[in-house]
C-alpha atoms as a PDB file:
ATOM      1  CA  MET A   1      33.654  -1.318  14.717  1.00  0.00           C
ATOM      2  CA  ILE A   2      31.911   1.894  13.202  1.00  0.00           C
ATOM      3  CA  LYS A   3      32.390   4.525  15.711  1.00  0.00           C
ATOM      4  CA  ALA A   4      29.301   7.103  14.930  1.00  0.00           C
ATOM      5  CA  ILE A   5      30.092  10.194  16.601  1.00  0.00           C
ATOM      6  CA  GLY A   6      26.726  12.399  15.606  1.00  0.00           C
ATOM      7  CA  PHE A   7      22.901  12.198  14.162  1.00  0.00           C
ATOM      8  CA  SER A   8      23.487  13.464  10.720  1.00  0.00           C
ATOM      9  CA  HIS A   9      19.590  12.902   9.554  1.00  0.00           C
ATOM     10  CA  ALA A  10      16.249  11.016   9.750  1.00  0.00           C
ATOM     11  CA  ALA A  11      14.192  10.259   6.358  1.00  0.00           C
ATOM     12  CA  VAL A  12      10.556  10.036   6.164  1.00  0.00           C
ATOM     13  CA  ARG A  13       8.881   8.092   3.441  1.00  0.00           C
ATOM     14  CA  VAL A  14       5.570  10.554   2.083  1.00  0.00           C
ATOM     15  CA  SER A  15       2.846   9.821  -0.728  1.00  0.00           C
ATOM     16  CA  ASP A  16       2.505  13.210  -1.573  1.00  0.00           C
ATOM     17  CA  ALA A  17       5.344  15.519  -0.946  1.00  0.00           C
ATOM     18  CA  ASN A  18       3.527  18.933  -1.173  1.00  0.00           C
ATOM     19  CA  ARG A  19       1.417  17.756   1.397  1.00  0.00           C
ATOM     20  CA  SER A  20       3.871  16.887   3.461  1.00  0.00           C
ATOM     21  CA  ILE A  21       6.032  20.429   2.954  1.00  0.00           C
ATOM     22  CA  ALA A  22       3.209  22.385   4.125  1.00  0.00           C
ATOM     23  CA  PHE A  23       2.633  19.644   7.026  1.00  0.00           C
ATOM     24  CA  TYR A  24       6.161  19.965   8.272  1.00  0.00           C
ATOM     25  CA  GLU A  25       6.457  23.832   7.499  1.00  0.00           C
ATOM     26  CA  GLN A  26       3.226  24.820   8.744  1.00  0.00           C
ATOM     27  CA  VAL A  27       2.084  22.443  11.809  1.00  0.00           C
ATOM     28  CA  LEU A  28       6.034  22.001  12.932  1.00  0.00           C
ATOM     29  CA  GLY A  29       7.193  25.488  11.836  1.00  0.00           C
ATOM     30  CA  LEU A  30      10.182  23.542  10.413  1.00  0.00           C
ATOM     31  CA  LYS A  31      12.807  25.579   7.792  1.00  0.00           C
ATOM     32  CA  LYS A  32      13.831  24.042   4.198  1.00  0.00           C
ATOM     33  CA  LEU A  33      17.611  23.809   3.349  1.00  0.00           C
ATOM     34  CA  PRO A  34      18.675  23.525   0.026  1.00  0.00           C
ATOM     35  CA  ARG A  35      18.402  19.606  -1.973  1.00  0.00           C
ATOM     36  CA  PRO A  36      19.802  18.235  -4.610  1.00  0.00           C
ATOM     37  CA  ASP A  37      17.558  17.561  -7.699  1.00  0.00           C
ATOM     38  CA  PHE A  38      17.382  14.198  -7.230  1.00  0.00           C
ATOM     39  CA  GLY A  39      15.096  13.212  -9.980  1.00  0.00           C
ATOM     40  CA  PHE A  40      12.098  12.758  -7.720  1.00  0.00           C
ATOM     41  CA  PRO A  41      10.467  14.683  -5.439  1.00  0.00           C
ATOM     42  CA  GLY A  42      11.158  15.620  -1.477  1.00  0.00           C
ATOM     43  CA  ALA A  43      12.810  18.343   1.063  1.00  0.00           C
ATOM     44  CA  TRP A  44      15.370  18.738   3.474  1.00  0.00           C
ATOM     45  CA  TYR A  45      14.652  20.521   6.666  1.00  0.00           C
ATOM     46  CA  GLY A  46      17.019  21.459   9.107  1.00  0.00           C
ATOM     47  CA  ILE A  47      16.522  20.442  12.871  1.00  0.00           C
ATOM     48  CA  GLY A  48      19.377  21.926  14.993  1.00  0.00           C
ATOM     49  CA  ASP A  49      23.129  20.790  13.141  1.00  0.00           C
ATOM     50  CA  ASN A  50      20.364  17.586  12.131  1.00  0.00           C
ATOM     51  CA  ALA A  51      17.940  17.706   9.205  1.00  0.00           C
ATOM     52  CA  ILE A  52      14.897  15.647   8.336  1.00  0.00           C
ATOM     53  CA  HIS A  53      15.356  14.421   5.060  1.00  0.00           C
ATOM     54  CA  LEU A  54      10.979  14.029   3.185  1.00  0.00           C
ATOM     55  CA  ILE A  55      11.670  11.187   0.298  1.00  0.00           C
ATOM     56  CA  GLN A  56       8.168  11.052  -2.172  1.00  0.00           C
ATOM     57  CA  SER A  57       6.963   7.366  -2.175  1.00  0.00           C
ATOM     58  CA  GLU A  58       4.663   4.860  -1.307  1.00  0.00           C
ATOM     59  CA  ASN A  59       1.735   5.769   1.626  1.00  0.00           C
ATOM     60  CA  ARG A  60       2.157   3.959   5.183  1.00  0.00           C
ATOM     61  CA  GLY A  61      -0.159   5.423   7.406  1.00  0.00           C
ATOM     62  CA  ARG A  62      -0.893   3.938  10.816  1.00  0.00           C
ATOM     63  CA  LYS A  63      -1.844   4.668  14.180  1.00  0.00           C
ATOM     64  CA  PRO A  64       0.694   7.000  16.137  1.00  0.00           C
ATOM     65  CA  ASP A  65       3.508   3.946  17.657  1.00  0.00           C
ATOM     66  CA  PRO A  66       5.324   5.648  20.704  1.00  0.00           C
ATOM     67  CA  LEU A  67       7.868   2.527  20.321  1.00  0.00           C
ATOM     68  CA  GLY A  68       8.036   2.022  16.464  1.00  0.00           C
ATOM     69  CA  ALA A  69      10.152   4.028  14.068  1.00  0.00           C
ATOM     70  CA  HIS A  70      10.266   7.421  14.688  1.00  0.00           C
ATOM     71  CA  VAL A  71      11.809  11.308  14.926  1.00  0.00           C
ATOM     72  CA  ALA A  72      11.480  13.184  17.820  1.00  0.00           C
ATOM     73  CA  LEU A  73      11.909  16.604  18.268  1.00  0.00           C
ATOM     74  CA  GLU A  74      12.163  19.315  21.345  1.00  0.00           C
ATOM     75  CA  VAL A  75       9.747  21.428  21.762  1.00  0.00           C
ATOM     76  CA  ALA A  76       9.680  24.792  23.220  1.00  0.00           C
ATOM     77  CA  ASP A  77       6.131  25.173  24.787  1.00  0.00           C
ATOM     78  CA  PHE A  78       4.691  21.513  25.247  1.00  0.00           C
ATOM     79  CA  ASP A  79       1.691  22.858  26.460  1.00  0.00           C
ATOM     80  CA  GLU A  80       1.297  25.093  23.354  1.00  0.00           C
ATOM     81  CA  ALA A  81       1.745  22.562  20.764  1.00  0.00           C
ATOM     82  CA  LYS A  82      -0.297  20.157  22.438  1.00  0.00           C
ATOM     83  CA  ARG A  83      -3.046  23.521  22.580  1.00  0.00           C
ATOM     84  CA  THR A  84      -2.034  23.260  18.216  1.00  0.00           C
ATOM     85  CA  LEU A  85      -2.569  20.079  17.508  1.00  0.00           C
ATOM     86  CA  ALA A  86      -5.982  19.683  19.370  1.00  0.00           C
ATOM     87  CA  GLU A  87      -6.729  22.878  16.708  1.00  0.00           C
ATOM     88  CA  LEU A  88      -5.819  21.499  14.714  1.00  0.00           C
ATOM     89  CA  GLY A  89      -7.415  18.625  14.213  1.00  0.00           C
ATOM     90  CA  ILE A  90      -4.551  16.441  14.608  1.00  0.00           C
ATOM     91  CA  GLU A  91      -4.783  13.103  17.025  1.00  0.00           C
ATOM     92  CA  PHE A  92      -1.766  12.629  19.369  1.00  0.00           C
ATOM     93  CA  LEU A  93      -0.841   9.892  22.309  1.00  0.00           C
ATOM     94  CA  GLU A  94       0.268  11.662  25.280  1.00  0.00           C
ATOM     95  CA  ALA A  95       2.721   9.665  27.371  1.00  0.00           C
ATOM     96  CA  PRO A  96       1.620   9.344  31.146  1.00  0.00           C
ATOM     97  CA  GLY A  97       2.928  11.143  33.786  1.00  0.00           C
ATOM     98  CA  ASN A  98       7.049  12.374  33.486  1.00  0.00           C
ATOM     99  CA  MET A  99       9.226   9.752  33.502  1.00  0.00           C
ATOM    100  CA  ALA A 100      11.770  10.668  30.669  1.00  0.00           C
ATOM    101  CA  GLY A 101      10.534  14.589  30.419  1.00  0.00           C
ATOM    102  CA  ARG A 102       6.845  15.026  28.654  1.00  0.00           C
ATOM    103  CA  GLN A 103       6.339  13.539  25.842  1.00  0.00           C
ATOM    104  CA  LEU A 104       2.912  12.924  22.847  1.00  0.00           C
ATOM    105  CA  TRP A 105       3.435  11.491  19.735  1.00  0.00           C
ATOM    106  CA  ILE A 106       2.019  12.175  16.599  1.00  0.00           C
ATOM    107  CA  LEU A 107       1.518  10.912  12.065  1.00  0.00           C
ATOM    108  CA  ASP A 108       2.251  13.315   9.363  1.00  0.00           C
ATOM    109  CA  PRO A 109      -0.087  12.464   6.433  1.00  0.00           C
ATOM    110  CA  ASP A 110       1.580   9.788   5.762  1.00  0.00           C
ATOM    111  CA  GLY A 111       1.647   7.783   8.927  1.00  0.00           C
ATOM    112  CA  ASN A 112       5.562   8.566   9.844  1.00  0.00           C
ATOM    113  CA  THR A 113       5.086   8.705  13.825  1.00  0.00           C
ATOM    114  CA  ILE A 114       6.675  12.328  15.325  1.00  0.00           C
ATOM    115  CA  GLU A 115       7.239  12.874  18.689  1.00  0.00           C
ATOM    116  CA  LEU A 116       7.040  15.845  20.181  1.00  0.00           C
ATOM    117  CA  ARG A 117       9.107  16.131  23.251  1.00  0.00           C
ATOM    118  CA  THR A 118      10.351  18.387  26.581  1.00  0.00           C
ATOM    119  CA  ASP A 119      12.172  17.965  29.833  1.00  0.00           C
ATOM    120  CA  LYS A 120      10.604  20.622  31.225  1.00  0.00           C
END
């Protein structure tokens, strides 16, 4: 049996690396990590001891789906995150109640679901 001991990264497919880089940096405030030249566009971002890898390929847009594949990010101020999304006109789906902390889901420009959450 394989024994996983930690989480390394999540990779998401994007159709336009530059547009997604702007979203991940300007909306989510992530900082870019060094990335080797793989011969195709993309970017790496650090999240604590982990990472998100953007890989440019076909567009797969959808509605936010909390039950589908997604990346979950802890946020420092949940209410500020909601205000920011509303100001930017970014559609979000919020979990009812407070059963597993506070959660909402958004889409990046290519339809990848991102969960923004807090236990507070």
